[in-house]
Amino acid sequence: MSVPELSAEQRGEQILAVFDTAFGELLAADPAAFRVKFRKMAASAFAFYRGTACLFYHDLEREQSDAAEGDIAGPYLDERTSRVWIHGDLHAENFGTYMDAQGRLIFNVNDFDEAYVGPFTWDLKRFAASVALIGYSKALSDEQISDLVRTYADAYRERIHALAAGAKEGEVPPFTLDTADGPLLGALRSARSLTRFGLLESMTEIREFERRFAAGDGAIELDAATRYKVLAAFDGYLETLPESSLSRPDSYRVKDVVGRRGIGIGSAGLPSYNILLEGNSDALENDVVIYMKQAQTPAVSRHVTDPAVRGYFQHEGHRTVISQRALQAHADPWLGWTELDGSGQLVAEVSPYAVDLDWSDIDDLDEIAAVVADLGRATATMHAAADDESGHSELVPFSTERAIDAALAADADDGEGFAGLLVEFAHAYGARARRDHQIFVDLFRNGRIPGL
């Protein structure tokens, strides 16, 4: 990290300016949601890092920008590897379980709200810095953190090479109940113990022999006009579903709709709705809950100037769905998009089988290393899914894994150049994030964030 160090006061002003660009309109519309978001971010440097992808890419651009072209350059990046589907917010907690369209429980990357098209190294750097922050929070030494980042880099590189060489799914299988171990298997087993009935019991109740959303727990009753608009948007969403998604027409029948307002670290201020649908039979225990939420502008997009990328998406809801379908094999069959009040909306199932990777009890160094290696493999598999078979070859018209593998072959003798790049970045940005966290807390507690 070669940018001259700013004073705490200067950096604070910079952070406030980035926040205003990224959050200004939403914060003005719902300051209470952002007070909750910022209090969560204040809890730790890692929580702060999770909520500030906008600051991360601002810093990355300042450090690596080509002054003549305004595009971010760097090692291992060329015309192809600078233009692949990326997750956009890849950190160590954005992994977990989901049930794919084939009914398999999978452990892999999740939360694609920030997904876009850009340099593959951005994902790897963001993950590497998150490892440094988690390692620091667990009192690991700098040398131990370096080893973990190298483990991630090596696992990523090996999996990318295997996929580029034509390895089939049986040779590099996804993480399932049959193939995962350690904390990944634990998450999958926890997900398997969950049920759709349990989810429905927590969100709904039976009234007059029909299931309806229960009052409270963040549910907001809608007026007639808003309900009408949401149902009209739902009709538009149905047109975006793959033909194979649903086989029973009754599955489209809406039973109830409520409003919600996002207050999580990533969704503060974004209006959203839950929609209760008929399940795959007339029984009440298999009804489906989907959510419709206003999709956000990804932080990455403010630093990608390619007009072909910017012009490809109808709106942010379309961008989120197309990106997720490109990055995630056999994605949620309910995944689609629509528009509401002129804003792009993301629509997906509220899954009863979603369990996030929990780092709180992963403390043994060998176990941490094994998990980090698996996450490196998962990252490579995600990037490789986004190739010319993703259905959007006009935007990424080449094999992603072959392009990345060819770029990494530059230091094929020892691989230390690639791993060393991530190690250096992880330590430098991890230290910066810890300093920024303290600056942010001081700004927040002293009332210096405008609008709060």
Protein backbone atom coordinates (compact mmCIF):
# COMPACT_ATOMS: atom_id res chain seq x y z
CA MET A 1 0.00 0.00 0.00
CA SER A 2 1.91 2.98 -1.26
CA VAL A 3 -0.48 5.89 -0.80
CA PRO A 4 0.95 8.48 1.62
CA GLU A 5 -0.49 8.12 5.12
CA LEU A 6 -3.13 10.68 6.02
CA SER A 7 -3.66 12.14 9.45
CA ALA A 8 -6.61 10.77 11.40
CA GLU A 9 -8.51 14.00 10.70
CA GLN A 10 -7.81 13.82 6.96
CA ARG A 11 -8.72 10.16 6.78
CA GLY A 12 -11.91 10.86 8.70
CA GLU A 13 -12.95 13.45 6.14
CA GLN A 14 -12.16 10.98 3.38
CA ILE A 15 -14.27 8.28 5.03
CA LEU A 16 -17.18 10.70 5.42
CA ALA A 17 -16.97 11.68 1.75
CA VAL A 18 -17.02 8.03 0.62
CA PHE A 19 -19.93 7.29 2.95
CA ASP A 20 -21.88 10.23 1.56
CA THR A 21 -21.47 8.92 -1.99
CA ALA A 22 -22.34 5.34 -1.08
CA PHE A 23 -25.00 5.81 1.60
CA GLY A 24 -26.16 9.42 1.39
CA GLU A 25 -29.60 8.99 -0.17
CA LEU A 26 -30.52 5.88 1.81
CA LEU A 27 -29.27 7.40 5.06
CA ALA A 28 -31.36 10.52 4.51
CA ALA A 29 -34.42 8.35 3.87
CA ASP A 30 -33.94 6.12 6.93
CA PRO A 31 -31.40 7.40 9.48
CA ALA A 32 -32.67 4.99 12.15
CA ALA A 33 -31.68 1.99 10.03
CA PHE A 34 -28.21 3.43 9.58
CA ARG A 35 -27.78 4.06 13.28
CA VAL A 36 -28.33 0.32 13.74
CA LYS A 37 -25.99 -0.50 10.84
CA PHE A 38 -23.24 1.76 12.15
CA ARG A 39 -23.53 0.44 15.70
CA LYS A 40 -23.00 -3.05 14.31
CA MET A 41 -19.99 -1.78 12.35
CA ALA A 42 -18.60 -0.15 15.48
CA ALA A 43 -18.44 -3.52 17.27
CA SER A 44 -15.16 -4.63 15.66
CA ALA A 45 -12.70 -3.86 12.90
CA PHE A 46 -14.00 -6.85 10.95
CA ALA A 47 -17.62 -5.68 11.23
CA PHE A 48 -16.47 -2.26 10.02
CA TYR A 49 -14.65 -3.89 7.10
CA ARG A 50 -17.74 -5.92 6.19
CA GLY A 51 -19.82 -2.76 5.91
CA THR A 52 -17.34 -0.66 3.93
CA ALA A 53 -16.78 -2.26 0.54
CA CYS A 54 -17.25 1.28 -0.79
CA LEU A 55 -14.17 2.45 1.13
CA PHE A 56 -12.16 -0.62 0.10
CA TYR A 57 -12.63 0.03 -3.62
CA HIS A 58 -12.05 3.74 -3.20
CA ASP A 59 -8.68 2.92 -1.64
CA LEU A 60 -7.89 0.28 -4.25
CA GLU A 61 -8.49 2.72 -7.08
CA ARG A 62 -6.33 5.40 -5.51
CA GLU A 63 -3.46 2.97 -5.13
CA GLN A 64 -3.60 1.16 -8.46
CA SER A 65 -5.22 3.58 -10.87
CA ASP A 66 -3.66 4.18 -14.26
CA ALA A 67 -3.54 7.96 -14.44
CA ALA A 68 -3.97 8.03 -18.22
CA GLU A 69 -6.91 5.67 -18.56
CA GLY A 70 -8.52 5.81 -15.13
CA ASP A 71 -8.73 2.01 -14.98
CA ILE A 72 -7.32 -0.09 -12.21
CA ALA A 73 -4.32 -2.13 -13.33
CA GLY A 74 -2.08 -4.56 -11.53
CA PRO A 75 -0.21 -7.85 -11.69
CA TYR A 76 -2.00 -10.82 -13.32
CA LEU A 77 -4.54 -8.53 -14.98
CA ASP A 78 -5.02 -8.33 -18.72
CA GLU A 79 -7.95 -7.69 -21.06
CA ARG A 80 -9.64 -10.92 -19.98
CA THR A 81 -8.76 -11.29 -16.29
CA SER A 82 -9.78 -7.66 -15.73
CA ARG A 83 -13.25 -8.46 -17.00
CA VAL A 84 -14.69 -11.54 -15.29
CA TRP A 85 -17.69 -12.08 -13.05
CA ILE A 86 -16.63 -11.32 -9.49
CA HIS A 87 -18.38 -11.49 -6.14
CA GLY A 88 -17.52 -7.92 -5.20
CA ASP A 89 -17.63 -8.37 -1.41
CA LEU A 90 -15.67 -11.55 -0.83
CA HIS A 91 -14.74 -11.77 2.83
CA ALA A 92 -14.37 -14.71 5.18
CA GLU A 93 -17.95 -14.51 6.48
CA ASN A 94 -19.65 -14.44 3.08
CA PHE A 95 -19.73 -18.23 2.86
CA GLY A 96 -22.47 -20.61 3.90
CA THR A 97 -25.02 -23.18 2.86
CA TYR A 98 -27.85 -23.18 0.36
CA MET A 99 -30.04 -25.78 -1.31
CA ASP A 100 -29.49 -25.69 -5.05
CA ALA A 101 -32.04 -26.21 -7.81
CA GLN A 102 -31.22 -29.93 -7.82
CA GLY A 103 -32.10 -30.32 -4.15
CA ARG A 104 -28.50 -30.65 -2.92
CA LEU A 105 -27.23 -28.86 0.14
CA ILE A 106 -24.11 -26.98 -0.95
CA PHE A 107 -21.53 -25.00 1.02
CA ASN A 108 -20.15 -22.15 -1.05
CA VAL A 109 -19.97 -18.42 -1.45
CA ASN A 110 -23.18 -16.54 -0.66
CA ASP A 111 -24.59 -12.97 -0.69
CA PHE A 112 -24.18 -11.71 -4.26
CA ASP A 113 -25.55 -8.18 -3.72
CA GLU A 114 -22.20 -6.61 -4.72
CA ALA A 115 -21.46 -8.93 -7.68
CA TYR A 116 -20.28 -7.33 -10.92
CA VAL A 117 -17.75 -7.69 -13.71
CA GLY A 118 -14.16 -6.66 -12.92
CA PRO A 119 -10.63 -7.89 -12.12
CA PHE A 120 -10.49 -11.28 -10.42
CA THR A 121 -7.77 -10.08 -8.04
CA TRP A 122 -10.20 -7.69 -6.37
CA ASP A 123 -12.08 -10.64 -4.86
CA LEU A 124 -8.85 -12.25 -3.69
CA LYS A 125 -7.49 -9.08 -2.11
CA ARG A 126 -10.73 -8.39 -0.27
CA PHE A 127 -10.73 -11.93 1.09
CA ALA A 128 -7.04 -11.80 2.05
CA ALA A 129 -7.53 -8.61 4.07
CA SER A 130 -10.45 -10.23 5.88
CA VAL A 131 -8.17 -13.15 6.86
CA ALA A 132 -5.72 -10.65 8.33
CA LEU A 133 -8.51 -9.06 10.38
CA ILE A 134 -9.86 -12.39 11.65
CA GLY A 135 -6.33 -13.57 12.40
CA TYR A 136 -5.60 -10.40 14.37
CA SER A 137 -8.84 -10.80 16.34
CA LYS A 138 -7.72 -14.32 17.28
CA ALA A 139 -4.26 -13.05 18.35
CA LEU A 140 -2.41 -14.83 15.55
CA SER A 141 1.07 -13.60 14.74
CA ASP A 142 1.88 -11.81 11.49
CA GLU A 143 3.77 -14.90 10.34
CA GLN A 144 0.77 -17.13 11.05
CA ILE A 145 -1.50 -14.74 9.15
CA SER A 146 0.94 -14.74 6.24
CA ASP A 147 0.86 -18.54 6.17
CA LEU A 148 -2.95 -18.52 6.12
CA VAL A 149 -3.07 -16.12 3.18
CA ARG A 150 -0.51 -18.25 1.31
CA THR A 151 -2.65 -21.31 2.03
CA TYR A 152 -5.66 -19.54 0.51
CA ALA A 153 -3.65 -18.40 -2.53
CA ASP A 154 -2.21 -21.86 -3.13
CA ALA A 155 -5.57 -23.60 -2.82
CA TYR A 156 -7.17 -21.08 -5.18
CA ARG A 157 -4.39 -21.46 -7.70
CA GLU A 158 -4.45 -25.28 -7.61
CA ARG A 159 -8.22 -25.45 -8.07
CA ILE A 160 -8.20 -22.92 -10.92
CA HIS A 161 -5.47 -24.93 -12.66
CA ALA A 162 -7.40 -28.18 -12.23
CA LEU A 163 -10.55 -26.63 -13.67
CA ALA A 164 -8.65 -25.02 -16.54
CA ALA A 165 -7.13 -28.40 -17.36
CA GLY A 166 -10.61 -29.80 -17.83
CA ALA A 167 -11.26 -31.50 -14.51
CA LYS A 168 -14.81 -32.76 -14.28
CA GLU A 169 -17.18 -32.21 -11.35
CA GLY A 170 -16.43 -35.65 -9.92
CA GLU A 171 -12.74 -34.75 -9.71
CA VAL A 172 -13.35 -31.36 -8.06
CA PRO A 173 -16.75 -31.86 -6.41
CA PRO A 174 -18.65 -29.09 -4.62
CA PHE A 175 -18.72 -29.06 -0.84
CA THR A 176 -21.69 -31.27 0.10
CA LEU A 177 -22.65 -33.56 2.97
CA ASP A 178 -20.61 -36.27 1.25
CA THR A 179 -17.45 -34.28 0.48
CA ALA A 180 -17.06 -31.54 3.12
CA ASP A 181 -15.43 -31.90 6.52
CA GLY A 182 -14.65 -29.76 9.56
CA PRO A 183 -16.67 -26.58 10.10
CA LEU A 184 -17.99 -26.72 6.52
CA LEU A 185 -19.55 -30.11 7.20
CA GLY A 186 -20.84 -28.78 10.51
CA ALA A 187 -22.62 -25.93 8.70
CA LEU A 188 -24.14 -28.37 6.20
CA ARG A 189 -25.36 -30.66 8.97
CA SER A 190 -26.89 -27.69 10.78
CA ALA A 191 -28.63 -26.68 7.56
CA ARG A 192 -29.94 -30.22 7.10
CA SER A 193 -31.48 -30.14 10.57
CA LEU A 194 -33.55 -27.10 9.61
CA THR A 195 -36.98 -27.43 8.02
CA ARG A 196 -39.32 -25.38 5.90
CA PHE A 197 -41.96 -25.92 8.57
CA GLY A 198 -39.67 -24.41 11.19
CA LEU A 199 -39.15 -21.30 9.05
CA LEU A 200 -42.89 -20.97 8.47
CA GLU A 201 -43.62 -21.36 12.18
CA SER A 202 -41.24 -18.46 12.94
CA MET A 203 -42.82 -16.09 10.40
CA THR A 204 -46.45 -17.11 9.91
CA GLU A 205 -49.60 -18.39 11.59
CA ILE A 206 -52.77 -20.20 10.57
CA ARG A 207 -55.86 -17.97 10.37
CA GLU A 208 -59.21 -19.23 9.08
CA PHE A 209 -57.63 -22.41 7.72
CA GLU A 210 -55.01 -20.55 5.69
CA ARG A 211 -51.43 -19.56 6.39
CA ARG A 212 -50.73 -15.84 6.79
CA PHE A 213 -47.77 -13.75 7.98
CA ALA A 214 -47.78 -13.17 11.73
CA ALA A 215 -47.72 -9.66 13.13
CA GLY A 216 -44.57 -8.30 14.75
CA ASP A 217 -40.94 -9.32 14.30
CA GLY A 218 -40.34 -6.54 11.79
CA ALA A 219 -43.39 -7.25 9.61
CA ILE A 220 -45.15 -4.11 8.36
CA GLU A 221 -48.78 -4.25 7.23
CA LEU A 222 -49.22 -2.70 3.79
CA ASP A 223 -51.91 -0.29 2.66
CA ALA A 224 -54.00 -1.28 -0.36
CA ALA A 225 -52.09 0.88 -2.84
CA THR A 226 -48.69 -0.46 -1.81
CA ARG A 227 -49.95 -4.04 -1.83
CA TYR A 228 -51.26 -3.54 -5.36
CA LYS A 229 -47.88 -2.22 -6.54
CA VAL A 230 -46.01 -5.12 -4.93
CA LEU A 231 -48.33 -7.67 -6.55
CA ALA A 232 -47.90 -5.97 -9.93
CA ALA A 233 -44.13 -6.15 -9.48
CA PHE A 234 -44.53 -9.83 -8.55
CA ASP A 235 -46.25 -10.46 -11.88
CA GLY A 236 -43.27 -8.88 -13.64
CA TYR A 237 -40.91 -11.05 -11.62
CA LEU A 238 -42.60 -14.25 -12.80
CA GLU A 239 -41.58 -13.44 -16.36
CA THR A 240 -37.88 -13.55 -15.36
CA LEU A 241 -37.95 -17.08 -13.94
CA PRO A 242 -36.48 -19.94 -15.99
CA GLU A 243 -39.12 -22.21 -17.47
CA SER A 244 -37.79 -25.07 -15.39
CA SER A 245 -38.25 -23.27 -12.07
CA LEU A 246 -41.77 -24.35 -11.21
CA SER A 247 -43.92 -27.19 -12.40
CA ARG A 248 -47.11 -26.56 -10.42
CA PRO A 249 -49.12 -23.45 -11.45
CA ASP A 250 -50.54 -23.07 -7.95
CA SER A 251 -47.00 -22.37 -6.71
CA TYR A 252 -47.40 -18.86 -8.08
CA ARG A 253 -50.46 -18.13 -5.91
CA VAL A 254 -49.86 -15.31 -3.43
CA LYS A 255 -51.32 -15.89 0.03
CA ASP A 256 -50.02 -12.82 1.84
CA VAL A 257 -47.63 -9.87 1.56
CA VAL A 258 -45.94 -7.77 4.27
CA GLY A 259 -43.36 -5.03 4.22
CA ARG A 260 -39.99 -5.16 5.91
CA ARG A 261 -37.11 -2.74 6.22
CA GLY A 262 -33.55 -3.94 6.06
CA ILE A 263 -31.39 -3.07 9.07
CA GLY A 264 -28.45 -5.42 8.53
CA ILE A 265 -24.93 -4.28 7.85
CA GLY A 266 -25.44 -4.65 4.10
CA SER A 267 -29.10 -3.72 3.68
CA ALA A 268 -29.73 -0.71 5.90
CA GLY A 269 -32.44 1.56 4.56
CA LEU A 270 -33.43 -0.70 1.67
CA PRO A 271 -37.20 -1.27 1.55
CA SER A 272 -38.18 -4.91 1.13
CA TYR A 273 -41.23 -7.16 1.15
CA ASN A 274 -41.96 -10.76 2.07
CA ILE A 275 -44.42 -12.70 -0.09
CA LEU A 276 -46.03 -15.95 1.02
CA LEU A 277 -46.74 -18.42 -1.80
CA GLU A 278 -48.53 -21.72 -2.14
CA GLY A 279 -46.09 -24.62 -1.90
CA ASN A 280 -45.79 -27.70 -4.04
CA SER A 281 -49.04 -29.12 -2.65
CA ASP A 282 -52.18 -27.97 -0.88
CA ALA A 283 -50.64 -28.86 2.48
CA LEU A 284 -49.80 -25.88 4.66
CA GLU A 285 -46.36 -27.05 5.78
CA ASN A 286 -44.60 -26.56 2.45
CA ASP A 287 -45.57 -22.98 1.60
CA VAL A 288 -42.73 -20.78 0.31
CA VAL A 289 -41.61 -17.35 1.49
CA ILE A 290 -39.81 -15.16 -1.02
CA TYR A 291 -38.44 -11.68 -0.50
CA MET A 292 -38.42 -8.71 -2.83
CA LYS A 293 -35.92 -6.02 -1.97
CA GLN A 294 -34.54 -2.95 -3.66
CA ALA A 295 -31.17 -3.88 -5.10
CA GLN A 296 -28.24 -1.64 -4.26
CA THR A 297 -25.58 -0.08 -6.45
CA PRO A 298 -22.49 -2.29 -6.06
CA ALA A 299 -19.39 -0.55 -4.75
CA VAL A 300 -17.31 -2.08 -7.54
CA SER A 301 -19.40 -0.40 -10.24
CA ARG A 302 -18.21 3.05 -9.23
CA HIS A 303 -14.69 2.00 -10.23
CA VAL A 304 -15.35 0.08 -13.45
CA THR A 305 -15.53 2.44 -16.40
CA ASP A 306 -16.17 -0.09 -19.18
CA PRO A 307 -19.38 1.15 -20.91
CA ALA A 308 -20.15 -2.36 -22.20
CA VAL A 309 -20.40 -3.59 -18.61
CA ARG A 310 -22.38 -0.62 -17.35
CA GLY A 311 -24.79 -0.79 -20.29
CA TYR A 312 -25.45 -4.52 -20.03
CA PHE A 313 -27.82 -4.45 -17.07
CA GLN A 314 -31.39 -3.18 -17.08
CA HIS A 315 -31.15 -2.14 -13.42
CA GLU A 316 -29.53 -3.28 -10.20
CA GLY A 317 -32.02 -6.09 -9.63
CA HIS A 318 -31.24 -7.50 -13.06
CA ARG A 319 -27.51 -7.07 -12.41
CA THR A 320 -27.65 -8.93 -9.09
CA VAL A 321 -29.57 -11.88 -10.51
CA ILE A 322 -27.54 -12.23 -13.70
CA SER A 323 -24.33 -12.05 -11.67
CA GLN A 324 -25.49 -14.65 -9.17
CA ARG A 325 -26.62 -17.01 -11.91
CA ALA A 326 -23.21 -16.64 -13.51
CA LEU A 327 -21.29 -17.23 -10.28
CA GLN A 328 -23.40 -19.91 -8.62
CA ALA A 329 -24.07 -23.27 -10.26
CA HIS A 330 -27.72 -24.39 -10.03
CA ALA A 331 -28.84 -21.21 -8.28
CA ASP A 332 -32.07 -20.77 -6.32
CA PRO A 333 -34.94 -21.59 -8.72
CA TRP A 334 -36.91 -18.67 -7.22
CA LEU A 335 -34.16 -16.17 -8.13
CA GLY A 336 -35.44 -13.37 -10.38
CA TRP A 337 -35.86 -9.63 -10.73
CA THR A 338 -38.52 -6.98 -11.24
CA GLU A 339 -39.15 -3.24 -10.86
CA LEU A 340 -41.06 -1.33 -8.21
CA ASP A 341 -41.47 2.44 -8.18
CA GLY A 342 -38.78 2.70 -10.86
CA SER A 343 -36.16 0.80 -8.85
CA GLY A 344 -34.72 -2.60 -9.68
CA GLN A 345 -35.70 -5.35 -7.25
CA LEU A 346 -34.03 -8.64 -6.36
CA VAL A 347 -36.39 -11.54 -5.66
CA ALA A 348 -35.34 -14.84 -4.08
CA GLU A 349 -36.51 -17.41 -1.56
CA VAL A 350 -36.14 -16.88 2.16
CA SER A 351 -34.35 -20.18 2.45
CA PRO A 352 -34.89 -22.42 5.48
CA TYR A 353 -31.55 -24.08 4.71
CA ALA A 354 -29.19 -21.10 4.94
CA VAL A 355 -26.45 -21.37 7.58
CA ASP A 356 -23.47 -19.00 7.52
CA LEU A 357 -19.95 -20.09 8.38
CA ASP A 358 -19.42 -19.27 12.06
CA TRP A 359 -15.84 -18.26 12.87
CA SER A 360 -16.44 -17.77 16.59
CA ASP A 361 -15.41 -21.33 17.53
CA ILE A 362 -12.77 -21.87 14.85
CA ASP A 363 -9.66 -21.19 16.92
CA ASP A 364 -7.23 -24.06 16.32
CA LEU A 365 -4.60 -22.89 13.82
CA ASP A 366 -4.64 -26.12 11.82
CA GLU A 367 -8.42 -26.00 11.59
CA ILE A 368 -8.34 -22.34 10.51
CA ALA A 369 -5.83 -23.25 7.80
CA ALA A 370 -8.00 -26.12 6.56
CA VAL A 371 -11.05 -23.85 6.37
CA VAL A 372 -9.12 -21.11 4.57
CA ALA A 373 -7.87 -23.66 2.03
CA ASP A 374 -11.43 -24.83 1.41
CA LEU A 375 -12.57 -21.25 0.95
CA GLY A 376 -9.79 -20.77 -1.59
CA ARG A 377 -11.13 -23.75 -3.52
CA ALA A 378 -14.67 -22.41 -3.24
CA THR A 379 -13.52 -19.03 -4.58
CA ALA A 380 -11.87 -20.67 -7.57
CA THR A 381 -14.97 -22.77 -8.28
CA MET A 382 -17.10 -19.62 -8.17
CA HIS A 383 -14.84 -17.79 -10.61
CA ALA A 384 -14.73 -20.82 -12.90
CA ALA A 385 -18.53 -21.09 -12.96
CA ALA A 386 -18.61 -17.67 -14.58
CA ASP A 387 -17.26 -18.72 -17.95
CA ASP A 388 -18.64 -18.82 -21.49
CA GLU A 389 -21.24 -21.42 -20.43
CA SER A 390 -22.88 -19.08 -17.93
CA GLY A 391 -25.48 -17.92 -20.46
CA HIS A 392 -24.02 -14.41 -20.74
CA SER A 393 -21.09 -15.04 -23.06
CA GLU A 394 -21.58 -11.73 -24.84
CA LEU A 395 -20.27 -9.98 -21.71
CA VAL A 396 -17.63 -12.54 -20.67
CA PRO A 397 -16.93 -14.42 -23.94
CA PHE A 398 -14.16 -16.73 -22.76
CA SER A 399 -13.31 -19.44 -20.24
CA THR A 400 -12.65 -17.60 -17.00
CA GLU A 401 -10.59 -20.37 -15.40
CA ARG A 402 -8.32 -20.70 -18.44
CA ALA A 403 -7.75 -16.94 -18.56
CA ILE A 404 -6.90 -16.77 -14.86
CA ASP A 405 -4.72 -19.88 -15.01
CA ALA A 406 -2.75 -18.43 -17.92
CA ALA A 407 -2.22 -15.16 -16.05
CA LEU A 408 -1.02 -16.97 -12.93
CA ALA A 409 1.40 -19.09 -14.99
CA ALA A 410 3.75 -16.07 -15.01
CA ASP A 411 5.22 -17.23 -11.69
CA ALA A 412 4.58 -20.93 -12.18
CA ASP A 413 7.96 -21.96 -10.73
CA ASP A 414 7.11 -21.17 -7.12
CA GLY A 415 3.86 -19.20 -7.07
CA GLU A 416 5.32 -16.87 -4.45
CA GLY A 417 4.71 -13.79 -6.56
CA PHE A 418 0.97 -14.36 -6.52
CA ALA A 419 0.83 -15.44 -2.89
CA GLY A 420 3.23 -12.67 -1.89
CA LEU A 421 1.01 -10.07 -3.53
CA LEU A 422 -1.94 -11.18 -1.41
CA VAL A 423 0.14 -11.48 1.77
CA GLU A 424 1.49 -7.94 1.44
CA PHE A 425 -1.94 -6.54 0.70
CA ALA A 426 -3.58 -8.46 3.56
CA HIS A 427 -1.23 -7.06 6.20
CA ALA A 428 -1.28 -3.53 4.85
CA TYR A 429 -5.02 -3.24 4.39
CA GLY A 430 -5.79 -5.14 7.58
CA ALA A 431 -3.75 -2.56 9.51
CA ARG A 432 -5.49 0.25 7.67
CA ALA A 433 -8.95 -1.19 8.42
CA ARG A 434 -8.11 -1.38 12.12
CA ARG A 435 -7.05 2.27 12.12
CA ASP A 436 -10.10 3.26 10.07
CA HIS A 437 -12.36 1.44 12.50
CA GLN A 438 -11.14 3.56 15.38
CA ILE A 439 -11.50 6.73 13.31
CA PHE A 440 -15.04 5.70 12.36
CA VAL A 441 -16.00 4.98 15.98
CA ASP A 442 -14.75 8.41 17.01
CA LEU A 443 -16.68 10.07 14.19
CA PHE A 444 -19.85 8.20 15.08
CA ARG A 445 -19.74 8.62 18.86
CA ASN A 446 -18.97 12.33 18.53
CA GLY A 447 -21.90 13.01 16.20
CA ARG A 448 -19.82 13.83 13.13
CA ILE A 449 -21.65 11.63 10.61
CA PRO A 450 -24.10 13.96 8.84
CA GLY A 451 -27.75 12.96 9.08
CA LEU A 452 -27.48 10.81 12.21
